[in-house]
Structure formats: C-alpha cells, structure tokens
Protein backbone atom coordinates (compact mmCIF):
# COMPACT_ATOMS: atom_id res chain seq x y z
CA MET A 1 167.31 76.93 85.45
CA ASP A 2 168.18 74.41 87.95
CA LYS A 3 166.56 71.55 85.87
CA LEU A 4 168.88 72.90 82.98
CA ASN A 5 171.99 72.74 85.12
CA GLU A 6 171.30 69.38 86.34
CA ILE A 7 171.02 68.19 82.56
CA LEU A 8 174.29 69.91 82.04
CA LYS A 9 175.73 68.32 84.58
CA ALA A 10 174.49 64.79 83.52
CA PHE A 11 175.88 65.56 80.12
CA ARG A 12 179.44 66.01 81.65
CA ASN A 13 179.34 62.95 84.07
CA SER A 14 178.37 60.85 81.02
CA PRO A 15 178.37 62.51 77.54
CA THR A 16 178.16 58.97 75.77
CA ASN A 17 174.52 58.18 77.53
CA VAL A 18 172.69 61.29 76.29
CA LYS A 19 169.22 61.27 74.56
CA PHE A 20 169.10 63.34 71.45
CA THR A 21 165.85 64.96 72.33
CA GLU A 22 167.59 66.35 75.70
CA LEU A 23 170.52 68.02 73.73
CA CYS A 24 168.01 69.44 71.38
CA LYS A 25 166.28 71.03 74.20
CA VAL A 26 169.35 72.30 75.79
CA CYS A 27 170.92 73.60 72.51
CA ASP A 28 167.31 75.51 71.73
CA HIS A 29 167.43 77.22 74.83
CA TYR A 30 171.13 78.69 74.59
CA PHE A 31 171.56 79.01 70.89
CA GLY A 32 167.80 79.42 69.54
CA LYS A 33 166.09 77.25 67.03
CA PRO A 34 168.65 75.50 64.66
CA ARG A 35 169.28 77.27 61.18
CA GLN A 36 168.95 73.92 59.97
CA SER A 37 166.94 71.07 60.62
CA GLY A 38 165.34 69.26 57.75
CA THR A 39 168.48 66.73 57.24
CA SER A 40 169.94 64.17 59.50
CA HIS A 41 171.63 67.25 61.24
CA ARG A 42 170.62 70.05 63.08
CA VAL A 43 172.90 73.03 62.96
CA TYR A 44 172.49 76.13 65.52
CA LYS A 45 173.89 79.76 64.69
CA THR A 46 176.65 80.98 67.05
CA PRO A 47 177.92 84.20 67.37
CA TRP A 48 181.46 83.28 66.58
CA GLN A 49 183.00 81.62 63.27
CA GLY A 50 184.58 78.30 63.64
CA ASP A 51 184.86 76.01 67.05
CA PRO A 52 183.44 75.16 68.75
CA ARG A 53 180.49 74.28 66.41
CA VAL A 54 176.92 73.39 67.44
CA ASN A 55 176.05 70.61 64.63
CA ILE A 56 174.58 67.53 66.15
CA GLN A 57 172.79 64.45 64.77
CA ASN A 58 170.44 61.50 65.94
CA SER A 59 172.09 58.41 66.28
CA LYS A 60 169.51 56.05 67.41
CA GLY A 61 167.76 58.29 69.87
CA LYS A 62 170.90 59.13 71.23
CA ALA A 63 173.53 62.21 70.70
CA LYS A 64 177.08 61.50 69.84
CA ALA A 65 179.54 61.89 72.56
CA TYR A 66 181.98 64.22 70.67
CA GLN A 67 179.09 66.35 69.95
CA VAL A 68 177.67 66.61 73.17
CA ARG A 69 181.29 67.77 74.17
CA GLN A 70 181.28 70.44 71.50
CA VAL A 71 178.22 71.71 72.74
CA LEU A 72 179.19 71.82 76.51
CA ARG A 73 182.24 73.94 75.18
CA ALA A 74 180.09 76.41 73.00
CA ILE A 75 177.88 77.13 76.25
CA GLU A 76 181.00 77.54 78.15
CA ARG A 77 182.46 79.94 75.73
CA LEU A 78 178.92 81.48 75.52
CA GLU A 79 178.64 82.29 79.27
CA VAL A 80 182.23 83.60 79.26
CA GLU A 81 181.49 86.11 76.47
CA ASN A 82 178.13 87.03 78.30
CA GLY A 83 179.99 87.52 81.52
CA ASN A 84 178.36 84.58 83.39
C-alpha cells in the first residue's frame, strides 16, 4: 500500500507526466478490471453514476492529465464513501 500511496502522490504532483500503464495499475486496484478495454479507451465501473468518471486512454504511452485528475477525484470519492 505504501508504493500505491507514493504513486498517487506522484500523480497529484505532476498529472501531466503519468505513464498510462501506471494509471491502469492504480485503476485496476481501486475499480477492478475495466468493463471496456478493447478500444482506445479503458472504462471502469464506479459505484455511482456520473462524475467523476473513470475513462482513460493511452496517448503515446502517457495518460492525459485531465483523466489523471478525474481518477484522483474518483479515488477520493471512493475513500470518503467507504469511510477511509
């Protein structure tokens, strides 16, 4: 879990410099396997409808910064709803 916290801290410090594979690992950990991954997007199921969505895409090996920020908001919401 410490390594995961370090990765999330790095995401918060620099959302523009995130490897797509690292973001996938974090999303898989928090949201399970993607419900869609055969296209250019990976879409993860969340326990709520609407924003923040977890929909990421590979952009030349990097994750898009706005999608990294959406994932961080979704993780924060998930932790609040689970009482963490």
